[in-house]
Amino acid sequence: MNQMQQSSGSSQNPGRSKSLRGLASADPATRKAVARKGGRAVSQNRQHMAEIGRKGGEVVSRDRNHMASIGRKGGEASQAARQHGHQPEQTSRENLTQ
């Protein structure tokens, strides 16, 4: 066994510096069975999925520079569209009031 394989903790992935964790350490049949399920049980629970999305949004929105960059790009796109004579798309709320 060469030195890279010894340090990786796994003979299946020579050259890795970390040992395999979670499903990566499971046998191929187990990984295949889990992959076949495709996350159906989790995605069918809408409340759980909403909570996951909310947590992700909170984490992203903590980075003020990132949020400012997103807003700046949106503003630049709106301004460019107006300069080229494009009308902004109506939102579903605007469609309901007309």
PDB file of N, CA and C in Angstrom:
ATOM      1  N   MET A   1       0.862  -1.186   0.000  1.00  0.00           N
ATOM      2  CA  MET A   1       0.000   0.000   0.000  1.00  0.00           C
ATOM      3  C   MET A   1       0.896   1.233   0.000  1.00  0.00           C
ATOM      4  N   ASN A   2       0.634   2.198  -0.871  1.00  0.00           N
ATOM      5  CA  ASN A   2       1.486   3.383  -0.911  1.00  0.00           C
ATOM      6  C   ASN A   2       1.074   4.380   0.169  1.00  0.00           C
ATOM      7  N   GLN A   3       1.870   5.413   0.334  1.00  0.00           N
ATOM      8  CA  GLN A   3       1.646   6.376   1.410  1.00  0.00           C
ATOM      9  C   GLN A   3       0.339   7.141   1.237  1.00  0.00           C
ATOM     10  N   MET A   4      -0.082   7.469   0.015  1.00  0.00           N
ATOM     11  CA  MET A   4      -1.327   8.193  -0.215  1.00  0.00           C
ATOM     12  C   MET A   4      -2.511   7.368   0.249  1.00  0.00           C
ATOM     13  N   GLN A   5      -2.501   6.071  -0.023  1.00  0.00           N
ATOM     14  CA  GLN A   5      -3.596   5.222   0.387  1.00  0.00           C
ATOM     15  C   GLN A   5      -3.648   5.085   1.902  1.00  0.00           C
ATOM     16  N   GLN A   6      -2.509   5.038   2.539  1.00  0.00           N
ATOM     17  CA  GLN A   6      -2.486   4.923   3.991  1.00  0.00           C
ATOM     18  C   GLN A   6      -3.059   6.160   4.651  1.00  0.00           C
ATOM     19  N   SER A   7      -2.758   7.342   4.144  1.00  0.00           N
ATOM     20  CA  SER A   7      -3.222   8.574   4.769  1.00  0.00           C
ATOM     21  C   SER A   7      -4.689   8.862   4.480  1.00  0.00           C
ATOM     22  N   SER A   8      -5.231   8.237   3.434  1.00  0.00           N
ATOM     23  CA  SER A   8      -6.606   8.551   3.070  1.00  0.00           C
ATOM     24  C   SER A   8      -7.623   7.862   3.953  1.00  0.00           C
ATOM     25  N   GLY A   9      -7.270   6.750   4.563  1.00  0.00           N
ATOM     26  CA  GLY A   9      -8.225   6.018   5.359  1.00  0.00           C
ATOM     27  C   GLY A   9      -9.123   5.143   4.513  1.00  0.00           C
ATOM     28  N   SER A  10      -8.890   5.094   3.214  1.00  0.00           N
ATOM     29  CA  SER A  10      -9.721   4.290   2.336  1.00  0.00           C
ATOM     30  C   SER A  10      -8.905   3.841   1.150  1.00  0.00           C
ATOM     31  N   SER A  11      -8.957   2.551   0.860  1.00  0.00           N
ATOM     32  CA  SER A  11      -8.233   2.057  -0.310  1.00  0.00           C
ATOM     33  C   SER A  11      -9.029   2.288  -1.582  1.00  0.00           C
ATOM     34  N   GLN A  12     -10.336   2.657  -1.456  1.00  0.00           N
ATOM     35  CA  GLN A  12     -11.165   2.906  -2.632  1.00  0.00           C
ATOM     36  C   GLN A  12     -10.870   4.250  -3.266  1.00  0.00           C
ATOM     37  N   ASN A  13     -10.414   5.211  -2.505  1.00  0.00           N
ATOM     38  CA  ASN A  13     -10.155   6.550  -3.010  1.00  0.00           C
ATOM     39  C   ASN A  13      -8.729   6.975  -2.694  1.00  0.00           C
ATOM     40  N   PRO A  14      -7.747   6.463  -3.395  1.00  0.00           N
ATOM     41  CA  PRO A  14      -6.378   6.856  -3.109  1.00  0.00           C
ATOM     42  C   PRO A  14      -6.183   8.347  -3.387  1.00  0.00           C
ATOM     43  N   GLY A  15      -5.408   8.988  -2.535  1.00  0.00           N
ATOM     44  CA  GLY A  15      -5.118  10.392  -2.733  1.00  0.00           C
ATOM     45  C   GLY A  15      -6.001  11.318  -1.934  1.00  0.00           C
ATOM     46  N   ARG A  16      -7.068  10.799  -1.335  1.00  0.00           N
ATOM     47  CA  ARG A  16      -7.941  11.638  -0.510  1.00  0.00           C
ATOM     48  C   ARG A  16      -7.270  11.890   0.827  1.00  0.00           C
ATOM     49  N   SER A  17      -7.432  13.083   1.355  1.00  0.00           N
ATOM     50  CA  SER A  17      -6.821  13.390   2.633  1.00  0.00           C
ATOM     51  C   SER A  17      -7.770  13.115   3.793  1.00  0.00           C
ATOM     52  N   LYS A  18      -9.061  12.936   3.550  1.00  0.00           N
ATOM     53  CA  LYS A  18     -10.031  12.686   4.607  1.00  0.00           C
ATOM     54  C   LYS A  18     -10.585  11.281   4.471  1.00  0.00           C
ATOM     55  N   SER A  19     -10.959  10.694   5.592  1.00  0.00           N
ATOM     56  CA  SER A  19     -11.616   9.397   5.525  1.00  0.00           C
ATOM     57  C   SER A  19     -13.054   9.601   5.080  1.00  0.00           C
ATOM     58  N   LEU A  20     -13.637   8.554   4.530  1.00  0.00           N
ATOM     59  CA  LEU A  20     -15.007   8.638   4.052  1.00  0.00           C
ATOM     60  C   LEU A  20     -15.955   8.684   5.243  1.00  0.00           C
ATOM     61  N   ARG A  21     -17.010   9.490   5.116  1.00  0.00           N
ATOM     62  CA  ARG A  21     -17.999   9.601   6.183  1.00  0.00           C
ATOM     63  C   ARG A  21     -19.383   9.453   5.584  1.00  0.00           C
ATOM     64  N   GLY A  22     -20.364   9.176   6.428  1.00  0.00           N
ATOM     65  CA  GLY A  22     -21.746   9.110   5.982  1.00  0.00           C
ATOM     66  C   GLY A  22     -21.950   8.033   4.933  1.00  0.00           C
ATOM     67  N   LEU A  23     -22.738   8.357   3.921  1.00  0.00           N
ATOM     68  CA  LEU A  23     -23.040   7.383   2.871  1.00  0.00           C
ATOM     69  C   LEU A  23     -21.815   7.000   2.056  1.00  0.00           C
ATOM     70  N   ALA A  24     -20.829   7.868   2.020  1.00  0.00           N
ATOM     71  CA  ALA A  24     -19.630   7.545   1.256  1.00  0.00           C
ATOM     72  C   ALA A  24     -18.932   6.319   1.814  1.00  0.00           C
ATOM     73  N   SER A  25     -19.105   6.050   3.104  1.00  0.00           N
ATOM     74  CA  SER A  25     -18.463   4.883   3.701  1.00  0.00           C
ATOM     75  C   SER A  25     -19.338   3.632   3.608  1.00  0.00           C
ATOM     76  N   ALA A  26     -20.585   3.770   3.145  1.00  0.00           N
ATOM     77  CA  ALA A  26     -21.498   2.627   3.045  1.00  0.00           C
ATOM     78  C   ALA A  26     -21.129   1.755   1.852  1.00  0.00           C
ATOM     79  N   ASP A  27     -21.580   0.516   1.911  1.00  0.00           N
ATOM     80  CA  ASP A  27     -21.303  -0.381   0.798  1.00  0.00           C
ATOM     81  C   ASP A  27     -22.136   0.058  -0.424  1.00  0.00           C
ATOM     82  N   PRO A  28     -21.728  -0.316  -1.619  1.00  0.00           N
ATOM     83  CA  PRO A  28     -22.412   0.125  -2.843  1.00  0.00           C
ATOM     84  C   PRO A  28     -23.901  -0.200  -2.882  1.00  0.00           C
ATOM     85  N   ALA A  29     -24.297  -1.356  -2.354  1.00  0.00           N
ATOM     86  CA  ALA A  29     -25.717  -1.723  -2.372  1.00  0.00           C
ATOM     87  C   ALA A  29     -26.542  -0.764  -1.520  1.00  0.00           C
ATOM     88  N   THR A  30     -26.011  -0.381  -0.363  1.00  0.00           N
ATOM     89  CA  THR A  30     -26.720   0.559   0.515  1.00  0.00           C
ATOM     90  C   THR A  30     -26.819   1.929  -0.145  1.00  0.00           C
ATOM     91  N   ARG A  31     -25.722   2.397  -0.743  1.00  0.00           N
ATOM     92  CA  ARG A  31     -25.747   3.699  -1.434  1.00  0.00           C
ATOM     93  C   ARG A  31     -26.781   3.689  -2.555  1.00  0.00           C
ATOM     94  N   LYS A  32     -26.846   2.579  -3.290  1.00  0.00           N
ATOM     95  CA  LYS A  32     -27.797   2.475  -4.397  1.00  0.00           C
ATOM     96  C   LYS A  32     -29.234   2.504  -3.883  1.00  0.00           C
ATOM     97  N   ALA A  33     -29.504   1.817  -2.772  1.00  0.00           N
ATOM     98  CA  ALA A  33     -30.850   1.790  -2.204  1.00  0.00           C
ATOM     99  C   ALA A  33     -31.284   3.182  -1.749  1.00  0.00           C
ATOM    100  N   VAL A  34     -30.366   3.908  -1.127  1.00  0.00           N
ATOM    101  CA  VAL A  34     -30.678   5.261  -0.674  1.00  0.00           C
ATOM    102  C   VAL A  34     -30.896   6.180  -1.871  1.00  0.00           C
ATOM    103  N   ALA A  35     -30.055   6.071  -2.869  1.00  0.00           N
ATOM    104  CA  ALA A  35     -30.186   6.913  -4.061  1.00  0.00           C
ATOM    105  C   ALA A  35     -31.493   6.641  -4.788  1.00  0.00           C
ATOM    106  N   ARG A  36     -31.941   5.389  -4.779  1.00  0.00           N
ATOM    107  CA  ARG A  36     -33.179   5.019  -5.456  1.00  0.00           C
ATOM    108  C   ARG A  36     -34.374   5.748  -4.827  1.00  0.00           C
ATOM    109  N   LYS A  37     -34.317   5.940  -3.523  1.00  0.00           N
ATOM    110  CA  LYS A  37     -35.414   6.628  -2.845  1.00  0.00           C
ATOM    111  C   LYS A  37     -35.459   8.107  -3.238  1.00  0.00           C
ATOM    112  N   GLY A  38     -34.322   8.671  -3.544  1.00  0.00           N
ATOM    113  CA  GLY A  38     -34.254  10.016  -4.095  1.00  0.00           C
ATOM    114  C   GLY A  38     -34.791  11.119  -3.216  1.00  0.00           C
ATOM    115  N   GLY A  39     -34.818  10.954  -1.921  1.00  0.00           N
ATOM    116  CA  GLY A  39     -35.271  12.017  -1.039  1.00  0.00           C
ATOM    117  C   GLY A  39     -36.771  12.216  -1.026  1.00  0.00           C
ATOM    118  N   ARG A  40     -37.532  11.245  -1.513  1.00  0.00           N
ATOM    119  CA  ARG A  40     -38.982  11.395  -1.583  1.00  0.00           C
ATOM    120  C   ARG A  40     -39.598  11.678  -0.226  1.00  0.00           C
ATOM    121  N   ALA A  41     -39.204  10.966   0.802  1.00  0.00           N
ATOM    122  CA  ALA A  41     -39.814  11.122   2.121  1.00  0.00           C
ATOM    123  C   ALA A  41     -39.623  12.538   2.644  1.00  0.00           C
ATOM    124  N   VAL A  42     -38.462  13.100   2.427  1.00  0.00           N
ATOM    125  CA  VAL A  42     -38.197  14.453   2.905  1.00  0.00           C
ATOM    126  C   VAL A  42     -38.972  15.471   2.097  1.00  0.00           C
ATOM    127  N   SER A  43     -38.954  15.346   0.781  1.00  0.00           N
ATOM    128  CA  SER A  43     -39.572  16.362  -0.062  1.00  0.00           C
ATOM    129  C   SER A  43     -41.091  16.348  -0.009  1.00  0.00           C
ATOM    130  N   GLN A  44     -41.698  15.275   0.482  1.00  0.00           N
ATOM    131  CA  GLN A  44     -43.148  15.240   0.583  1.00  0.00           C
ATOM    132  C   GLN A  44     -43.653  16.012   1.791  1.00  0.00           C
ATOM    133  N   ASN A  45     -42.784  16.320   2.720  1.00  0.00           N
ATOM    134  CA  ASN A  45     -43.167  17.073   3.895  1.00  0.00           C
ATOM    135  C   ASN A  45     -42.924  18.556   3.612  1.00  0.00           C
ATOM    136  N   ARG A  46     -43.959  19.255   3.180  1.00  0.00           N
ATOM    137  CA  ARG A  46     -43.819  20.655   2.764  1.00  0.00           C
ATOM    138  C   ARG A  46     -43.362  21.557   3.908  1.00  0.00           C
ATOM    139  N   GLN A  47     -43.851  21.303   5.106  1.00  0.00           N
ATOM    140  CA  GLN A  47     -43.471  22.129   6.249  1.00  0.00           C
ATOM    141  C   GLN A  47     -41.971  21.982   6.521  1.00  0.00           C
ATOM    142  N   HIS A  48     -41.474  20.766   6.436  1.00  0.00           N
ATOM    143  CA  HIS A  48     -40.048  20.519   6.650  1.00  0.00           C
ATOM    144  C   HIS A  48     -39.220  21.214   5.571  1.00  0.00           C
ATOM    145  N   MET A  49     -39.658  21.110   4.331  1.00  0.00           N
ATOM    146  CA  MET A  49     -38.928  21.747   3.234  1.00  0.00           C
ATOM    147  C   MET A  49     -38.934  23.261   3.378  1.00  0.00           C
ATOM    148  N   ALA A  50     -40.059  23.825   3.827  1.00  0.00           N
ATOM    149  CA  ALA A  50     -40.136  25.274   4.044  1.00  0.00           C
ATOM    150  C   ALA A  50     -39.157  25.704   5.129  1.00  0.00           C
ATOM    151  N   GLU A  51     -39.044  24.904   6.167  1.00  0.00           N
ATOM    152  CA  GLU A  51     -38.118  25.217   7.252  1.00  0.00           C
ATOM    153  C   GLU A  51     -36.672  25.185   6.757  1.00  0.00           C
ATOM    154  N   ILE A  52     -36.344  24.197   5.937  1.00  0.00           N
ATOM    155  CA  ILE A  52     -34.997  24.103   5.378  1.00  0.00           C
ATOM    156  C   ILE A  52     -34.697  25.335   4.516  1.00  0.00           C
ATOM    157  N   GLY A  53     -35.641  25.721   3.673  1.00  0.00           N
ATOM    158  CA  GLY A  53     -35.451  26.900   2.823  1.00  0.00           C
ATOM    159  C   GLY A  53     -35.307  28.174   3.621  1.00  0.00           C
ATOM    160  N   ARG A  54     -36.102  28.292   4.675  1.00  0.00           N
ATOM    161  CA  ARG A  54     -36.040  29.480   5.525  1.00  0.00           C
ATOM    162  C   ARG A  54     -34.666  29.581   6.196  1.00  0.00           C
ATOM    163  N   LYS A  55     -34.160  28.460   6.708  1.00  0.00           N
ATOM    164  CA  LYS A  55     -32.843  28.467   7.357  1.00  0.00           C
ATOM    165  C   LYS A  55     -31.751  28.838   6.355  1.00  0.00           C
ATOM    166  N   GLY A  56     -31.842  28.292   5.142  1.00  0.00           N
ATOM    167  CA  GLY A  56     -30.858  28.627   4.122  1.00  0.00           C
ATOM    168  C   GLY A  56     -30.899  30.097   3.758  1.00  0.00           C
ATOM    169  N   GLY A  57     -32.099  30.645   3.653  1.00  0.00           N
ATOM    170  CA  GLY A  57     -32.243  32.063   3.340  1.00  0.00           C
ATOM    171  C   GLY A  57     -31.681  32.955   4.434  1.00  0.00           C
ATOM    172  N   GLU A  58     -31.870  32.544   5.678  1.00  0.00           N
ATOM    173  CA  GLU A  58     -31.336  33.323   6.793  1.00  0.00           C
ATOM    174  C   GLU A  58     -29.816  33.347   6.752  1.00  0.00           C
ATOM    175  N   VAL A  59     -29.220  32.210   6.448  1.00  0.00           N
ATOM    176  CA  VAL A  59     -27.765  32.130   6.398  1.00  0.00           C
ATOM    177  C   VAL A  59     -27.223  33.013   5.279  1.00  0.00           C
ATOM    178  N   VAL A  60     -27.834  32.932   4.106  1.00  0.00           N
ATOM    179  CA  VAL A  60     -27.373  33.719   2.963  1.00  0.00           C
ATOM    180  C   VAL A  60     -27.549  35.209   3.233  1.00  0.00           C
ATOM    181  N   SER A  61     -28.672  35.588   3.826  1.00  0.00           N
ATOM    182  CA  SER A  61     -28.959  37.007   4.007  1.00  0.00           C
ATOM    183  C   SER A  61     -28.083  37.654   5.079  1.00  0.00           C
ATOM    184  N   ARG A  62     -27.361  36.883   5.861  1.00  0.00           N
ATOM    185  CA  ARG A  62     -26.427  37.463   6.843  1.00  0.00           C
ATOM    186  C   ARG A  62     -25.244  38.126   6.165  1.00  0.00           C
ATOM    187  N   ASP A  63     -24.927  37.710   4.952  1.00  0.00           N
ATOM    188  CA  ASP A  63     -23.801  38.271   4.214  1.00  0.00           C
ATOM    189  C   ASP A  63     -24.285  39.525   3.480  1.00  0.00           C
ATOM    190  N   ARG A  64     -24.119  40.676   4.105  1.00  0.00           N
ATOM    191  CA  ARG A  64     -24.653  41.925   3.555  1.00  0.00           C
ATOM    192  C   ARG A  64     -24.014  42.283   2.216  1.00  0.00           C
ATOM    193  N   ASN A  65     -22.741  41.983   2.041  1.00  0.00           N
ATOM    194  CA  ASN A  65     -22.090  42.278   0.762  1.00  0.00           C
ATOM    195  C   ASN A  65     -22.704  41.452  -0.363  1.00  0.00           C
ATOM    196  N   HIS A  66     -22.991  40.192  -0.063  1.00  0.00           N
ATOM    197  CA  HIS A  66     -23.610  39.320  -1.068  1.00  0.00           C
ATOM    198  C   HIS A  66     -25.002  39.835  -1.431  1.00  0.00           C
ATOM    199  N   MET A  67     -25.788  40.207  -0.428  1.00  0.00           N
ATOM    200  CA  MET A  67     -27.142  40.702  -0.676  1.00  0.00           C
ATOM    201  C   MET A  67     -27.096  42.018  -1.463  1.00  0.00           C
ATOM    202  N   ALA A  68     -26.138  42.876  -1.129  1.00  0.00           N
ATOM    203  CA  ALA A  68     -25.997  44.133  -1.860  1.00  0.00           C
ATOM    204  C   ALA A  68     -25.647  43.875  -3.318  1.00  0.00           C
ATOM    205  N   SER A  69     -24.800  42.877  -3.553  1.00  0.00           N
ATOM    206  CA  SER A  69     -24.416  42.521  -4.919  1.00  0.00           C
ATOM    207  C   SER A  69     -25.625  42.033  -5.709  1.00  0.00           C
ATOM    208  N   ILE A  70     -26.457  41.211  -5.075  1.00  0.00           N
ATOM    209  CA  ILE A  70     -27.667  40.720  -5.738  1.00  0.00           C
ATOM    210  C   ILE A  70     -28.580  41.885  -6.108  1.00  0.00           C
ATOM    211  N   GLY A  71     -28.796  42.792  -5.161  1.00  0.00           N
ATOM    212  CA  GLY A  71     -29.655  43.950  -5.419  1.00  0.00           C
ATOM    213  C   GLY A  71     -29.105  44.842  -6.513  1.00  0.00           C
ATOM    214  N   ARG A  72     -27.787  45.029  -6.507  1.00  0.00           N
ATOM    215  CA  ARG A  72     -27.144  45.870  -7.516  1.00  0.00           C
ATOM    216  C   ARG A  72     -27.332  45.267  -8.902  1.00  0.00           C
ATOM    217  N   LYS A  73     -27.150  43.958  -9.022  1.00  0.00           N
ATOM    218  CA  LYS A  73     -27.327  43.296 -10.317  1.00  0.00           C
ATOM    219  C   LYS A  73     -28.767  43.426 -10.807  1.00  0.00           C
ATOM    220  N   GLY A  74     -29.723  43.278  -9.896  1.00  0.00           N
ATOM    221  CA  GLY A  74     -31.122  43.425 -10.282  1.00  0.00           C
ATOM    222  C   GLY A  74     -31.440  44.829 -10.747  1.00  0.00           C
ATOM    223  N   GLY A  75     -30.905  45.813 -10.032  1.00  0.00           N
ATOM    224  CA  GLY A  75     -31.122  47.203 -10.417  1.00  0.00           C
ATOM    225  C   GLY A  75     -30.506  47.526 -11.761  1.00  0.00           C
ATOM    226  N   GLU A  76     -29.309  47.016 -11.996  1.00  0.00           N
ATOM    227  CA  GLU A  76     -28.650  47.252 -13.283  1.00  0.00           C
ATOM    228  C   GLU A  76     -29.425  46.594 -14.418  1.00  0.00           C
ATOM    229  N   ALA A  77     -29.957  45.412 -14.177  1.00  0.00           N
ATOM    230  CA  ALA A  77     -30.732  44.724 -15.209  1.00  0.00           C
ATOM    231  C   ALA A  77     -32.021  45.490 -15.513  1.00  0.00           C
ATOM    232  N   SER A  78     -32.678  46.004 -14.465  1.00  0.00           N
ATOM    233  CA  SER A  78     -33.906  46.782 -14.666  1.00  0.00           C
ATOM    234  C   SER A  78     -33.625  48.054 -15.448  1.00  0.00           C
ATOM    235  N   GLN A  79     -32.548  48.715 -15.076  1.00  0.00           N
ATOM    236  CA  GLN A  79     -32.192  49.962 -15.747  1.00  0.00           C
ATOM    237  C   GLN A  79     -31.859  49.702 -17.222  1.00  0.00           C
ATOM    238  N   ALA A  80     -31.116  48.648 -17.499  1.00  0.00           N
ATOM    239  CA  ALA A  80     -30.758  48.318 -18.876  1.00  0.00           C
ATOM    240  C   ALA A  80     -32.005  47.983 -19.688  1.00  0.00           C
ATOM    241  N   ALA A  81     -32.940  47.269 -19.077  1.00  0.00           N
ATOM    242  CA  ALA A  81     -34.163  46.909 -19.782  1.00  0.00           C
ATOM    243  C   ALA A  81     -34.976  48.156 -20.117  1.00  0.00           C
ATOM    244  N   ARG A  82     -35.059  49.089 -19.172  1.00  0.00           N
ATOM    245  CA  ARG A  82     -35.814  50.325 -19.420  1.00  0.00           C
ATOM    246  C   ARG A  82     -35.161  51.163 -20.514  1.00  0.00           C
ATOM    247  N   GLN A  83     -33.844  51.184 -20.532  1.00  0.00           N
ATOM    248  CA  GLN A  83     -33.136  51.968 -21.546  1.00  0.00           C
ATOM    249  C   GLN A  83     -33.340  51.386 -22.941  1.00  0.00           C
ATOM    250  N   HIS A  84     -33.614  50.099 -23.019  1.00  0.00           N
ATOM    251  CA  HIS A  84     -33.835  49.455 -24.311  1.00  0.00           C
ATOM    252  C   HIS A  84     -35.311  49.353 -24.649  1.00  0.00           C
ATOM    253  N   GLY A  85     -36.156  49.997 -23.869  1.00  0.00           N
ATOM    254  CA  GLY A  85     -37.572  50.054 -24.174  1.00  0.00           C
ATOM    255  C   GLY A  85     -38.382  48.845 -23.772  1.00  0.00           C
ATOM    256  N   HIS A  86     -37.840  47.977 -22.941  1.00  0.00           N
ATOM    257  CA  HIS A  86     -38.591  46.816 -22.478  1.00  0.00           C
ATOM    258  C   HIS A  86     -39.465  47.200 -21.297  1.00  0.00           C
ATOM    259  N   GLN A  87     -40.684  46.713 -21.314  1.00  0.00           N
ATOM    260  CA  GLN A  87     -41.593  46.941 -20.196  1.00  0.00           C
ATOM    261  C   GLN A  87     -41.341  45.879 -19.138  1.00  0.00           C
ATOM    262  N   PRO A  88     -41.325  46.261 -17.881  1.00  0.00           N
ATOM    263  CA  PRO A  88     -41.148  45.242 -16.837  1.00  0.00           C
ATOM    264  C   PRO A  88     -42.334  44.290 -16.823  1.00  0.00           C
ATOM    265  N   GLU A  89     -42.076  43.036 -16.510  1.00  0.00           N
ATOM    266  CA  GLU A  89     -43.151  42.052 -16.446  1.00  0.00           C
ATOM    267  C   GLU A  89     -44.034  42.341 -15.243  1.00  0.00           C
ATOM    268  N   GLN A  90     -45.325  42.099 -15.408  1.00  0.00           N
ATOM    269  CA  GLN A  90     -46.248  42.303 -14.309  1.00  0.00           C
ATOM    270  C   GLN A  90     -46.179  41.121 -13.362  1.00  0.00           C
ATOM    271  N   THR A  91     -46.263  41.417 -12.078  1.00  0.00           N
ATOM    272  CA  THR A  91     -46.298  40.344 -11.096  1.00  0.00           C
ATOM    273  C   THR A  91     -47.712  39.810 -11.009  1.00  0.00           C
ATOM    274  N   SER A  92     -47.891  38.688 -10.393  1.00  0.00           N
ATOM    275  CA  SER A  92     -49.228  38.099 -10.285  1.00  0.00           C
ATOM    276  C   SER A  92     -50.141  39.013  -9.487  1.00  0.00           C
ATOM    277  N   ARG A  93     -49.633  39.771  -8.526  1.00  0.00           N
ATOM    278  CA  ARG A  93     -50.449  40.696  -7.754  1.00  0.00           C
ATOM    279  C   ARG A  93     -50.950  41.832  -8.660  1.00  0.00           C
ATOM    280  N   GLU A  94     -50.086  42.322  -9.523  1.00  0.00           N
ATOM    281  CA  GLU A  94     -50.499  43.380 -10.444  1.00  0.00           C
ATOM    282  C   GLU A  94     -51.553  42.847 -11.414  1.00  0.00           C
ATOM    283  N   ASN A  95     -51.429  41.613 -11.838  1.00  0.00           N
ATOM    284  CA  ASN A  95     -52.408  41.020 -12.751  1.00  0.00           C
ATOM    285  C   ASN A  95     -53.771  40.912 -12.091  1.00  0.00           C
ATOM    286  N   LEU A  96     -53.825  40.679 -10.802  1.00  0.00           N
ATOM    287  CA  LEU A  96     -55.105  40.529 -10.106  1.00  0.00           C
ATOM    288  C   LEU A  96     -55.838  41.858  -9.988  1.00  0.00           C
ATOM    289  N   THR A  97     -55.115  42.983  -9.936  1.00  0.00           N
ATOM    290  CA  THR A  97     -55.779  44.278  -9.742  1.00  0.00           C
ATOM    291  C   THR A  97     -56.263  44.864 -11.053  1.00  0.00           C
ATOM    292  N   GLN A  98     -55.939  44.257 -12.166  1.00  0.00           N
ATOM    293  CA  GLN A  98     -56.352  44.823 -13.453  1.00  0.00           C
ATOM    294  C   GLN A  98     -57.534  44.100 -14.016  1.00  0.00           C
TER     295      GLN A  98
END
